[in-house]
Amino acid sequence: MTHAFYVYASYGFAALVTIVVTVWTWADGRARRRELAALEAAGIRRRSARAKVGVGDGE
């Protein structure tokens, strides 16, 4: 085994991990968007989507 083998193997492993984490994050984001869409379709809203309380409306 040569020094180059370890270097290339390390770069390959790092690239593989980077690709896996990127794909995992992308897939998880899609799943969370689907879950959010299902909740909103069921009538459940995010707190940040509530109507804004104006001045004098009482908070």
Protein backbone atom coordinates (compact mmCIF):
# COMPACT_ATOMS: atom_id res chain seq x y z
CA MET A 1 0.00 0.00 0.00
CA THR A 2 1.23 3.42 -0.89
CA HIS A 3 0.79 6.78 0.67
CA ALA A 4 -1.30 7.86 -2.33
CA PHE A 5 -3.81 5.06 -1.66
CA TYR A 6 -4.55 6.42 1.81
CA VAL A 7 -4.83 9.98 0.53
CA TYR A 8 -7.22 9.03 -2.30
CA ALA A 9 -9.21 6.75 -0.02
CA SER A 10 -9.59 9.58 2.50
CA TYR A 11 -10.75 12.01 -0.19
CA GLY A 12 -13.15 9.41 -1.53
CA PHE A 13 -14.57 8.71 1.90
CA ALA A 14 -14.98 12.44 2.62
CA ALA A 15 -16.73 12.94 -0.73
CA LEU A 16 -19.03 9.99 -0.04
CA VAL A 17 -19.97 11.32 3.40
CA THR A 18 -20.60 14.78 1.95
CA ILE A 19 -22.87 13.36 -0.75
CA VAL A 20 -24.78 11.18 1.73
CA VAL A 21 -25.35 14.07 4.15
CA THR A 22 -26.46 16.35 1.31
CA VAL A 23 -28.95 13.79 -0.05
CA TRP A 24 -30.20 13.01 3.46
CA THR A 25 -30.77 16.71 4.22
CA TRP A 26 -32.54 17.23 0.89
CA ALA A 27 -34.80 14.20 1.42
CA ASP A 28 -35.61 15.20 5.00
CA GLY A 29 -36.51 18.73 3.86
CA ARG A 30 -38.92 17.31 1.29
CA ALA A 31 -40.49 15.08 3.93
CA ARG A 32 -40.93 18.00 6.34
CA ARG A 33 -42.56 20.11 3.59
CA ARG A 34 -44.98 17.24 2.85
CA GLU A 35 -45.83 16.92 6.55
CA LEU A 36 -46.37 20.67 6.83
CA ALA A 37 -48.63 20.65 3.75
CA ALA A 38 -50.67 17.78 5.23
CA LEU A 39 -51.07 19.62 8.54
CA GLU A 40 -52.10 22.84 6.80
CA ALA A 41 -54.58 20.91 4.64
CA ALA A 42 -56.06 19.51 7.85
CA GLY A 43 -56.60 23.05 9.12
CA ILE A 44 -53.66 23.18 11.48
CA ARG A 45 -51.77 26.44 11.03
CA ARG A 46 -48.38 27.68 12.16
CA ARG A 47 -48.31 30.24 14.93
CA SER A 48 -46.32 32.53 12.66
CA ALA A 49 -49.23 32.48 10.20
CA ARG A 50 -51.69 33.98 12.70
CA ALA A 51 -53.28 37.30 11.91
CA LYS A 52 -51.31 40.24 13.21
CA VAL A 53 -52.82 42.11 16.15
CA GLY A 54 -53.11 45.81 15.33
CA VAL A 55 -52.80 48.80 17.65
CA GLY A 56 -55.84 49.12 19.90
CA ASP A 57 -57.00 45.53 19.24
CA GLY A 58 -55.68 44.37 22.60
CA GLU A 59 -52.93 41.86 22.78
